Protein backbone atom coordinates (compact mmCIF):
# COMPACT_ATOMS: atom_id res chain seq x y z
CA MET A 1 6.90 -14.57 -44.00
CA ARG A 2 4.38 -11.83 -43.06
CA THR A 3 2.23 -14.34 -41.20
CA CYS A 4 5.24 -15.51 -39.25
CA ILE A 5 6.21 -11.93 -38.28
CA SER A 6 2.61 -11.08 -37.30
CA LEU A 7 2.35 -14.19 -35.17
CA LEU A 8 5.69 -13.38 -33.50
CA PHE A 9 4.49 -9.83 -32.77
CA VAL A 10 1.29 -11.13 -31.13
CA LEU A 11 3.29 -13.61 -29.02
CA VAL A 12 5.63 -10.84 -27.87
CA LEU A 13 2.63 -8.68 -26.90
CA PHE A 14 1.11 -11.46 -24.80
CA SER A 15 4.39 -12.23 -23.09
CA CYS A 16 4.83 -8.55 -22.13
CA ALA A 17 1.26 -8.05 -20.87
CA PRO A 18 1.01 -7.55 -17.12
CA LYS A 19 0.02 -10.69 -15.27
CA LYS A 20 -3.21 -10.69 -13.34
CA VAL A 21 -2.62 -10.57 -9.61
CA ASN A 22 -4.79 -12.96 -7.66
CA PHE A 23 -5.90 -11.78 -4.25
CA GLU A 24 -8.79 -12.33 -1.91
CA VAL A 25 -10.40 -10.61 1.02
CA SER A 26 -10.33 -12.57 4.26
CA ASN A 27 -10.79 -12.23 8.01
CA LEU A 28 -13.80 -9.88 7.89
CA LEU A 29 -14.30 -8.41 11.35
CA CYS A 30 -16.86 -6.17 13.00
CA GLU A 31 -15.66 -4.61 16.25
CA TYR A 32 -12.78 -7.16 16.26
CA LEU A 33 -15.27 -10.06 16.08
CA THR A 34 -16.19 -12.60 13.38
CA ASN A 35 -19.99 -12.86 12.95
CA PRO A 36 -20.73 -10.96 16.16
CA ILE A 37 -24.04 -11.17 17.95
CA GLY A 38 -25.08 -8.09 19.89
CA ILE A 39 -22.84 -5.14 19.03
CA GLU A 40 -23.41 -2.26 21.44
CA THR A 41 -22.40 0.58 19.15
CA MET A 42 -24.47 2.36 16.52
CA SER A 43 -21.38 2.89 14.36
CA PRO A 44 -19.52 -0.43 14.34
CA ARG A 45 -16.04 -0.52 12.86
CA LEU A 46 -15.24 -2.93 10.04
CA SER A 47 -11.90 -4.53 9.16
CA TRP A 48 -10.52 -7.09 6.71
CA LYS A 49 -7.28 -8.47 5.30
CA MET A 50 -6.06 -8.84 1.75
CA LYS A 51 -4.41 -12.17 0.98
CA THR A 52 -2.08 -12.38 -2.01
CA GLU A 53 0.97 -14.33 -3.05
CA ARG A 54 2.44 -11.44 -5.02
CA ARG A 55 5.08 -9.59 -3.09
CA GLY A 56 4.56 -5.84 -2.84
CA SER A 57 0.85 -5.92 -3.66
CA SER A 58 -1.39 -3.74 -1.59
CA GLN A 59 -4.95 -2.50 -1.51
CA SER A 60 -5.55 0.70 -3.48
CA SER A 61 -9.30 1.14 -2.83
CA TYR A 62 -12.28 -0.44 -1.10
CA HIS A 63 -16.05 -0.49 -1.48
CA ILE A 64 -18.21 -1.54 1.49
CA MET A 65 -21.85 -2.55 1.09
CA VAL A 66 -24.20 -3.17 4.04
CA ALA A 67 -27.70 -4.62 3.80
CA SER A 68 -30.50 -5.84 6.02
CA ASP A 69 -30.90 -8.97 3.90
CA GLU A 70 -28.25 -11.30 2.51
CA THR A 71 -30.10 -11.56 -0.82
CA LEU A 72 -29.83 -7.81 -1.35
CA LEU A 73 -26.12 -7.98 -0.68
CA GLN A 74 -25.64 -10.82 -3.18
CA LYS A 75 -27.29 -8.61 -5.81
CA ASN A 76 -25.09 -5.62 -4.82
CA LEU A 77 -28.16 -3.70 -3.63
CA PRO A 78 -27.19 -2.40 -0.19
CA ASP A 79 -30.15 -0.84 1.60
CA LEU A 80 -28.30 0.35 4.71
CA TRP A 81 -24.98 1.73 3.47
CA ASP A 82 -22.90 1.97 0.32
CA SER A 83 -19.52 3.55 0.94
CA GLY A 84 -18.85 3.98 -2.75
CA ILE A 85 -15.32 3.37 -4.00
CA GLN A 86 -12.87 4.87 -1.51
CA LYS A 87 -9.30 5.33 -2.71
CA SER A 88 -7.50 4.12 0.38
CA ASP A 89 -5.16 1.38 1.53
CA ASN A 90 -6.87 1.41 4.94
CA SER A 91 -8.54 -1.88 5.84
CA THR A 92 -8.90 -1.52 9.60
CA GLN A 93 -11.51 0.13 11.75
CA ILE A 94 -13.61 1.65 8.96
CA GLU A 95 -16.58 3.23 10.73
CA TYR A 96 -20.09 2.37 9.55
CA LYS A 97 -21.78 5.54 8.27
CA GLY A 98 -25.10 4.26 7.01
CA LYS A 99 -28.71 4.31 8.13
CA PRO A 100 -29.28 4.02 11.88
CA LEU A 101 -29.06 0.44 13.15
CA GLN A 102 -31.81 -0.90 15.40
CA PRO A 103 -31.42 -3.21 18.43
CA GLY A 104 -31.70 -6.88 17.45
CA MET A 105 -31.30 -6.08 13.76
CA LYS A 106 -29.42 -8.59 11.56
CA VAL A 107 -26.97 -6.86 9.26
CA PHE A 108 -24.88 -8.29 6.41
CA TRP A 109 -21.83 -6.67 4.86
CA LYS A 110 -19.18 -7.26 2.26
CA VAL A 111 -16.19 -5.41 0.92
CA GLN A 112 -14.70 -5.31 -2.55
CA ILE A 113 -11.12 -4.18 -2.92
CA ARG A 114 -8.78 -3.25 -5.72
CA SER A 115 -5.08 -3.83 -5.72
CA ASN A 116 -2.26 -1.67 -7.05
């Protein structure tokens, strides 16, 4: 009897646990362009969209990382700018505030977001 009650309690706990919300970041833009070549500003603005199927979900924070090499970015080692976690639902026109960019320089960036 105790085993049955314990098992029932565990099942009730799992059924009441909040479901994980799946979302992804898409449409990364720099100065309104996808993979731009030749940006003429030293502080380009970055934007993205959050895609989710769950109604009412929204971004609660973001973390932008910018690197001079794609390998550094894959290892989460940004050498140009790390915004840190910013509690904000803003995902448009976030101004780059890292090390000065040089003409002809290749730059890679990514954003991680959290949802409410």
